[in-house]
């Protein structure tokens, strides 16, 4: 039988693979709670719709061949932490940087809080490395 930590890690892995990389809106709708708050984003732009749009309208155009590698995933109680990197060809402006047409890496440490198998809160540290 899966522990709560194992279940939460499976949800986070699915979100990363299905929504962040593939843009699967059904996965987003199933995983992100209606009252989700992104504590990293500016106030007024930190709800579930703003988070969805950030991925689909900014990240995906910036790196259309987006790939993901999760280096670490640690879970305790209702939180899951991932240390990961997205890589892809940097083709559109993103996070204040102009596109280079070359490979770029977005390194991220995320903390996700879950309740009943859904994302309810998010905190993140991100670093964009371009070549």
Protein backbone atom coordinates (compact mmCIF):
# COMPACT_ATOMS: atom_id res chain seq x y z
CA UNK A 1 0.00 0.00 0.00
CA UNK A 2 1.34 3.43 -0.97
CA UNK A 3 2.12 5.96 1.74
CA UNK A 4 0.85 9.54 1.49
CA UNK A 5 4.37 10.64 0.54
CA UNK A 6 4.52 8.08 -2.29
CA UNK A 7 1.09 9.12 -3.57
CA UNK A 8 2.03 12.80 -3.49
CA UNK A 9 5.30 12.12 -5.32
CA UNK A 10 3.36 10.27 -8.04
CA UNK A 11 1.04 13.28 -8.46
CA UNK A 12 3.99 15.67 -8.74
CA UNK A 13 5.75 13.41 -11.24
CA UNK A 14 2.57 13.23 -13.34
CA UNK A 15 2.14 17.02 -13.26
CA UNK A 16 5.73 17.54 -14.36
CA UNK A 17 5.61 14.99 -17.17
CA UNK A 18 2.05 15.47 -18.40
CA UNK A 19 1.43 19.17 -17.98
CA UNK A 20 4.77 20.95 -17.70
CA UNK A 21 6.40 19.03 -20.55
CA UNK A 22 3.45 17.93 -22.72
CA UNK A 23 0.93 20.69 -21.97
CA UNK A 24 -1.84 18.16 -21.17
CA UNK A 25 -4.72 20.36 -19.92
CA UNK A 26 -6.68 17.41 -18.57
CA UNK A 27 -3.80 16.60 -16.22
CA UNK A 28 -3.69 20.26 -15.14
CA UNK A 29 -7.44 20.31 -14.42
CA UNK A 30 -7.26 17.08 -12.40
CA UNK A 31 -4.18 18.02 -10.39
CA UNK A 32 -4.41 21.75 -9.63
CA UNK A 33 -7.04 22.69 -7.04
CA UNK A 34 -9.41 25.57 -7.71
CA UNK A 35 -7.98 27.56 -4.78
CA UNK A 36 -4.32 26.90 -5.71
CA UNK A 37 -1.85 29.70 -4.89
CA UNK A 38 1.59 30.14 -6.47
CA UNK A 39 3.54 31.92 -3.73
CA UNK A 40 6.45 32.62 -6.10
CA UNK A 41 4.37 34.64 -8.55
CA UNK A 42 3.38 38.28 -7.95
CA UNK A 43 0.11 38.91 -6.08
CA UNK A 44 -2.81 39.13 -8.48
CA UNK A 45 -1.00 36.84 -10.92
CA UNK A 46 -0.61 33.81 -8.66
CA UNK A 47 -3.73 31.71 -9.11
CA UNK A 48 -4.18 28.47 -11.05
CA UNK A 49 -5.09 30.18 -14.35
CA UNK A 50 -2.04 32.47 -14.24
CA UNK A 51 0.12 29.42 -13.50
CA UNK A 52 -1.41 27.51 -16.42
CA UNK A 53 -0.91 30.45 -18.76
CA UNK A 54 2.70 30.97 -17.64
CA UNK A 55 3.53 27.41 -18.71
CA UNK A 56 1.53 27.36 -21.94
CA UNK A 57 2.06 30.94 -23.13
CA UNK A 58 5.59 31.67 -21.88
CA UNK A 59 7.58 28.52 -21.08
CA UNK A 60 6.44 26.39 -24.02
CA UNK A 61 7.06 29.08 -26.69
CA UNK A 62 10.45 29.86 -25.11
CA UNK A 63 11.49 26.18 -25.23
CA UNK A 64 9.27 24.34 -27.73
CA UNK A 65 11.43 21.19 -27.54
CA UNK A 66 11.27 21.19 -23.74
CA UNK A 67 12.80 18.23 -21.92
CA UNK A 68 12.77 17.54 -18.19
CA UNK A 69 15.14 15.82 -15.83
CA UNK A 70 14.18 15.39 -12.17
CA UNK A 71 17.32 14.94 -10.07
CA UNK A 72 15.72 14.69 -6.63
CA UNK A 73 12.20 14.33 -5.26
CA UNK A 74 11.67 14.40 -1.52
CA UNK A 75 8.31 14.13 0.23
CA UNK A 76 7.27 14.70 3.80
CA UNK A 77 3.75 15.10 5.15
CA UNK A 78 1.79 17.20 2.60
CA UNK A 79 4.80 18.64 0.72
CA UNK A 80 6.98 17.43 -2.16
CA UNK A 81 10.26 19.08 -3.13
CA UNK A 82 11.82 18.57 -6.55
CA UNK A 83 15.21 19.65 -7.85
CA UNK A 84 15.00 19.54 -11.62
CA UNK A 85 16.04 21.09 -14.90
CA UNK A 86 14.21 21.90 -18.09
CA UNK A 87 16.32 22.10 -21.23
CA UNK A 88 15.44 23.17 -24.73
CA UNK A 89 16.17 25.52 -27.57
CA UNK A 90 15.62 29.08 -26.35
CA UNK A 91 13.39 30.57 -29.09
CA UNK A 92 11.23 33.27 -27.43
CA UNK A 93 11.70 35.83 -24.61
CA UNK A 94 11.47 34.30 -21.14
CA UNK A 95 12.13 35.54 -17.60
CA UNK A 96 13.51 38.84 -18.91
CA UNK A 97 16.00 37.23 -21.27
CA UNK A 98 16.09 37.51 -25.04
CA UNK A 99 16.09 34.25 -27.03
CA UNK A 100 19.42 32.95 -28.31
CA UNK A 101 18.29 30.15 -30.61
CA UNK A 102 20.66 27.95 -28.61
CA UNK A 103 20.23 25.39 -25.87
CA UNK A 104 19.15 26.78 -22.50
CA UNK A 105 18.58 25.23 -19.10
CA UNK A 106 16.05 26.30 -16.51
CA UNK A 107 17.12 24.94 -13.12
CA UNK A 108 14.36 24.79 -10.52
CA UNK A 109 13.78 23.81 -6.93
CA UNK A 110 10.03 23.51 -6.30
CA UNK A 111 8.05 22.96 -3.14
CA UNK A 112 4.51 21.74 -3.76
CA UNK A 113 1.86 21.42 -1.05
CA UNK A 114 -0.88 18.91 -1.78
CA UNK A 115 -4.26 18.08 -0.30
CA UNK A 116 -6.34 15.09 -1.42
CA UNK A 117 -4.02 14.49 -4.39
CA UNK A 118 -4.17 18.06 -5.70
CA UNK A 119 -1.75 20.98 -5.75
CA UNK A 120 -2.85 23.68 -3.31
CA UNK A 121 0.35 25.75 -3.02
CA UNK A 122 3.70 26.25 -4.75
CA UNK A 123 7.03 27.92 -3.95
CA UNK A 124 10.00 27.96 -6.32
CA UNK A 125 13.55 29.10 -6.95
CA UNK A 126 14.47 29.31 -10.66
CA UNK A 127 17.65 30.04 -12.56
CA UNK A 128 17.87 30.40 -16.34
CA UNK A 129 21.20 29.42 -17.90
CA UNK A 130 21.66 30.35 -21.55
CA UNK A 131 24.51 29.63 -23.94
